[in-house]
Amino acid sequence: GGSNSGSGGGEGGDSFSNSAQISQSSSLIAPSGQASVCTPRSPGANTTTSQFQKRKNLVLHQTDTLIMRRTVLCRTIAGNRCEVLTITEPSGARDKMEPAILDQLGPFVPMPFRMGIIFTARVHPGESNSSWIMDGILRFLTSESMEAFRLRANFVFMIVPMLNPDGVINGNYRCGLAGHDLNRRYLETSPTLHPTIFNLKRIVKKFKKERRVGLYVDLHGHSSKPNVFVYGCQASLWREWFSGYTQGPPAQYSELVFPTLLGERCSIFSMEGCSFKVRKSKVATGRAVMWHDGIQHVFTLESSFGGASQGPCAGRHFGIQDLRNIGRDVCTVVWDMYGTNTEANFRRIVAMGPARDEQVRRERNARKELEIAAGNDATDRLRTPEKNVAGSEEESSESPGSGEESSEDETIVDPAVLFKVELTE
């Protein structure tokens, strides 16, 4: 929690960073002065105190070169800093560019009219793979590539890399220090017990007043399903969720735009694994509440703790670079959604909606049938009834997984079936 040299440090101080310096440093995903914590089952966020301090100290003081601002969202129950990053290109940057570069960049939107994009992660402290995806997002957005510059020139990115720093620091798996799952506290939020969620809602509300928010993505990890996938909100149900939406309901199947575009870029993304239903048990999640409050494109992005069942990563665990690449792909999809081909992409995907819906349904049913047929014997062996102390038989319980949607709609997948491993006695 030390102050930043020359930047008005302390809790209220802002700090700014240059793109070239940021891209050369380590990931900004741990609270100041603390090492991040990982779980044995997922690739850990091994950001150390020294790595964080190195990035923290890389600060430029020339205001005309600044692309990122760091502020303290709030203090946690334990007094740790929960930080929020704002990444965008300074308004005056266009005036210093050569005409040839401006032609390549395309539109350079004035600051008041830039669309807002929101990324959050690590509300569940055990899902440390989400921090590596966040690392990929930060590395890409602060890089000197033309694609990153174009995004910064057209959007304002509001990013909270770690929503539950207390849980991470203390080694919790799912809850904060109050013993609550913070991703079930977006409806009834206490500023004392859930300060990060309370203040996130506050700044999102303010952000929405300043500009249109085109995308909200909350990063998670999933302990039982393979690949990368999303949980979204079905557009056809928008009216009953948010009757005060004055611009009219979104186009049916518009919820497919983001995941479809991501699947076209990311070989380990699975449309089969996606779900767009909002069950009653999920109405207090960040995904449901932010959607209900008027953000049309809201998603929980899940990455498997294990790995992929498709693409070049099939049959192996995700590595650090795999997860970083997901973050990069998420950023590039923002331009696919709202760049030069916005209308064409939306029309194309919405028109494909009914056929895609039916195709995914058939593929999912066929896969389930194959898994059942191939995995009956293995499943029977894995689920052999155990004897309790009294000698009666009782079925062994199965963990539903640790993803955002980790309750009644979870599918338990036998790893032997998933990776086609033959079990031997």
Foldseek 3Di string as FASTA:
>chain_A
DDAAPPFPGDQATKFFAALVLQLVAFFQQAFAPFAFAEDPLFPAPGCHNVRNVSNSHRGDDPVQRTFKMKHFLDAALVRITFIKMKGAHDQCPVVPDDPVLCVVLDDQDHPLAAAEEEEEEALFRHFRLLLLLVRLQSSQCSHPDSLNNSNRRRHIYMYGSHLANQCRRVVHGAHHPVPDRLQLCLVPHDCNNRVSSVSVVVVVVVVVVRYHHAAYEYEGEKAFDAFKEKEAAFQVCLCVLAVPAPVDGDQGQLLVLLLVQLVVVQFRYDPLPYHHYQDPSNCRGPRNVVSSVPHPHYIYMYHYSFYGCTDPTRQGGDDSVSSSVSSVSSSSSVCVCPNDCNVVSSVVRSVCRVVVVVVSVVVNVVVVVVQCVVCVVVVCVVFPWDADPVGDTDTDDDQQIDTSPRPDVGDHHDVCSSNVPDDDD
